[in-house]
Amino acid sequence: MANYYPMSNELQELVDDTMAKDNPYLHTKGLDFVYLGVDKQSNIIQITKSSPLLNYIANKEEMIFVIIYEEAFEKLELDQQKLIIANALNNIEYNDETDKTTIKKGGCGLDEGVYLRYREKVVLSIFAGDHVIRQIEEAKKEEKKNSKKGKKNDSIYRGQE
């Protein structure tokens, strides 16, 4: 199970700076952003809306969660981090007429506007993020496997004494 925690100040600042540069209208709409880090996630970044029940409990109109798998994210270059954030934030749409926020769900998660601006740079950044996640998962599996072997060897040695 994933564990959530407050996002680091440096990373939150990077998200805010990227939002101000690439999506300045999001700041003007008064949306309530919640920045979280997570220790395990299939995506390097996830943007999601709060449920009506959570809005009621928190006594808020609506919250937008920006959730980043920090361990994987920090292994990327700064330019890649910015492109991944810009791509994710471009999936947030605000409708002035209905006063509603929606999160677009694209096929591969690549926003067309971001792609048209940055082309292959953003695609390579997304692939790099996915690659880092796979590396971390493999390292954790190997560590767990070695840990089990160590415990098994310890019990064998204890049984011989």
Protein backbone atom coordinates (compact mmCIF):
# COMPACT_ATOMS: atom_id res chain seq x y z
CA MET A 1 0.00 0.00 0.00
CA ALA A 2 1.26 3.44 -0.88
CA ASN A 3 2.10 5.93 1.84
CA TYR A 4 1.33 9.60 1.23
CA TYR A 5 3.19 12.50 2.84
CA PRO A 6 3.56 16.27 2.34
CA MET A 7 5.54 17.04 -0.79
CA SER A 8 8.97 18.60 -0.21
CA ASN A 9 9.03 22.40 -0.32
CA GLU A 10 11.52 22.41 -3.21
CA LEU A 11 9.33 20.16 -5.32
CA GLN A 12 6.18 22.11 -4.46
CA GLU A 13 7.97 25.29 -5.54
CA LEU A 14 8.95 23.62 -8.85
CA VAL A 15 5.30 22.64 -9.46
CA ASP A 16 4.12 26.18 -8.66
CA ASP A 17 6.78 27.78 -10.89
CA THR A 18 5.94 25.43 -13.76
CA MET A 19 2.23 26.12 -13.29
CA ALA A 20 2.83 29.89 -13.30
CA LYS A 21 4.83 29.58 -16.54
CA ASP A 22 2.80 27.01 -18.48
CA ASN A 23 -0.70 27.26 -16.93
CA PRO A 24 -1.06 30.73 -15.38
CA TYR A 25 -4.89 30.59 -15.60
CA LEU A 26 -4.94 27.82 -12.97
CA HIS A 27 -3.63 30.23 -10.33
CA THR A 28 -6.23 32.87 -11.20
CA LYS A 29 -9.15 30.47 -10.71
CA GLY A 30 -8.55 30.09 -6.98
CA LEU A 31 -8.26 26.32 -7.17
CA ASP A 32 -7.17 24.62 -3.97
CA PHE A 33 -4.09 22.50 -4.76
CA VAL A 34 -2.88 19.82 -2.36
CA TYR A 35 0.72 18.69 -2.93
CA LEU A 36 1.61 15.15 -1.85
CA GLY A 37 4.54 12.82 -2.22
CA VAL A 38 4.07 9.07 -2.39
CA ASP A 39 6.48 6.20 -1.82
CA LYS A 40 5.05 3.95 -4.53
CA GLN A 41 2.97 4.68 -7.61
CA SER A 42 2.66 3.37 -11.18
CA ASN A 43 2.93 6.91 -12.60
CA ILE A 44 5.62 9.42 -11.80
CA ILE A 45 2.95 12.12 -11.38
CA GLN A 46 -0.79 11.95 -10.87
CA ILE A 47 -3.37 14.73 -10.92
CA THR A 48 -6.73 13.92 -9.37
CA LYS A 49 -9.77 15.71 -7.94
CA SER A 50 -11.13 15.20 -4.48
CA SER A 51 -14.38 13.33 -4.03
CA PRO A 52 -17.53 15.07 -2.80
CA LEU A 53 -17.20 13.17 0.50
CA LEU A 54 -13.63 14.42 1.01
CA ASN A 55 -14.73 17.96 0.11
CA TYR A 56 -17.42 17.72 2.79
CA ILE A 57 -15.02 16.38 5.42
CA ALA A 58 -12.38 19.00 4.60
CA ASN A 59 -15.04 21.73 4.34
CA LYS A 60 -13.71 22.75 0.91
CA GLU A 61 -15.38 23.34 -2.45
CA GLU A 62 -12.94 21.19 -4.39
CA MET A 63 -9.32 20.13 -4.12
CA ILE A 64 -6.87 19.18 -6.85
CA PHE A 65 -4.24 16.69 -5.72
CA VAL A 66 -0.79 16.80 -7.30
CA ILE A 67 0.84 13.51 -6.27
CA ILE A 68 4.45 12.82 -7.21
CA TYR A 69 6.45 9.64 -6.76
CA GLU A 70 9.38 11.64 -5.37
CA GLU A 71 12.00 8.86 -5.27
CA ALA A 72 11.61 8.31 -9.02
CA PHE A 73 11.04 11.97 -9.87
CA GLU A 74 14.25 13.12 -8.22
CA LYS A 75 16.29 10.81 -10.46
CA LEU A 76 15.26 12.79 -13.53
CA GLU A 77 16.98 15.88 -14.89
CA LEU A 78 15.43 19.25 -14.05
CA ASP A 79 14.26 19.84 -17.64
CA GLN A 80 12.56 16.43 -17.67
CA GLN A 81 10.88 17.18 -14.34
CA LYS A 82 9.50 20.48 -15.66
CA LEU A 83 8.15 18.87 -18.83
CA ILE A 84 6.46 16.07 -16.90
CA ILE A 85 4.85 18.59 -14.54
CA ALA A 86 3.73 20.82 -17.45
CA ASN A 87 2.23 17.83 -19.25
CA ALA A 88 0.34 16.68 -16.15
CA LEU A 89 -0.98 20.16 -15.31
CA ASN A 90 -2.26 20.61 -18.86
CA ASN A 91 -4.74 17.83 -18.12
CA ILE A 92 -6.58 20.15 -15.73
CA GLU A 93 -9.46 21.97 -17.37
CA TYR A 94 -11.57 24.65 -15.72
CA ASN A 95 -14.94 25.65 -17.18
CA ASP A 96 -15.86 29.24 -16.29
CA GLU A 97 -19.51 28.76 -17.25
CA THR A 98 -20.14 25.79 -14.96
CA ASP A 99 -17.44 26.67 -12.41
CA LYS A 100 -16.26 23.04 -12.62
CA THR A 101 -12.85 21.46 -12.89
CA THR A 102 -12.22 18.30 -14.87
CA ILE A 103 -9.12 16.16 -15.26
CA LYS A 104 -8.62 14.93 -18.83
CA LYS A 105 -7.80 11.28 -19.25
CA GLY A 106 -5.63 10.87 -22.34
CA GLY A 107 -4.44 7.66 -23.98
CA CYS A 108 -0.78 7.77 -22.97
CA GLY A 109 -1.12 10.79 -20.72
CA LEU A 110 0.54 13.11 -23.24
CA ASP A 111 -1.22 16.45 -23.60
CA GLU A 112 -1.45 17.61 -27.21
CA GLY A 113 -0.60 21.24 -26.38
CA VAL A 114 2.53 20.25 -24.48
CA TYR A 115 3.55 17.88 -27.27
CA LEU A 116 3.16 20.60 -29.90
CA ARG A 117 5.38 22.92 -27.85
CA TYR A 118 8.12 20.51 -26.80
CA ARG A 119 7.82 17.60 -29.26
CA GLU A 120 10.17 14.69 -28.57
CA LYS A 121 11.61 16.28 -25.41
CA VAL A 122 8.39 15.68 -23.47
CA VAL A 123 7.98 12.16 -24.90
CA LEU A 124 11.52 11.25 -23.87
CA SER A 125 10.93 12.75 -20.41
CA ILE A 126 7.81 10.61 -19.91
CA PHE A 127 9.70 7.50 -21.04
CA ALA A 128 12.58 8.38 -18.70
CA GLY A 129 10.13 8.65 -15.79
CA ASP A 130 8.61 5.26 -16.61
CA HIS A 131 12.09 3.73 -16.90
CA VAL A 132 13.14 5.09 -13.49
CA ILE A 133 10.01 3.63 -11.88
CA ARG A 134 10.76 0.20 -13.38
CA GLN A 135 14.36 0.39 -12.10
CA ILE A 136 13.19 1.23 -8.58
CA GLU A 137 10.62 -1.60 -8.61
CA GLU A 138 13.23 -4.11 -9.81
CA ALA A 139 15.73 -2.97 -7.16
CA LYS A 140 13.09 -3.35 -4.42
CA LYS A 141 12.14 -6.83 -5.65
CA GLU A 142 15.80 -7.87 -5.70
CA GLU A 143 16.32 -6.44 -2.20
CA LYS A 144 13.26 -8.31 -0.92
CA LYS A 145 14.44 -11.53 -2.60
CA ASN A 146 17.92 -11.18 -1.05
CA SER A 147 16.38 -10.40 2.32
CA LYS A 148 14.33 -13.62 2.20
CA LYS A 149 17.43 -15.61 1.20
CA GLY A 150 19.31 -14.11 4.14
CA LYS A 151 16.56 -15.07 6.58
CA LYS A 152 16.39 -18.58 5.15
CA ASN A 153 20.17 -18.99 5.50
CA ASP A 154 20.04 -17.67 9.07
CA SER A 155 17.38 -20.23 10.02
CA ILE A 156 19.37 -23.06 8.41
CA TYR A 157 22.50 -22.12 10.39
CA ARG A 158 20.55 -21.82 13.64
CA GLY A 159 19.01 -25.25 13.13
CA GLN A 160 22.47 -26.86 12.86
CA GLU A 161 23.75 -25.50 16.15
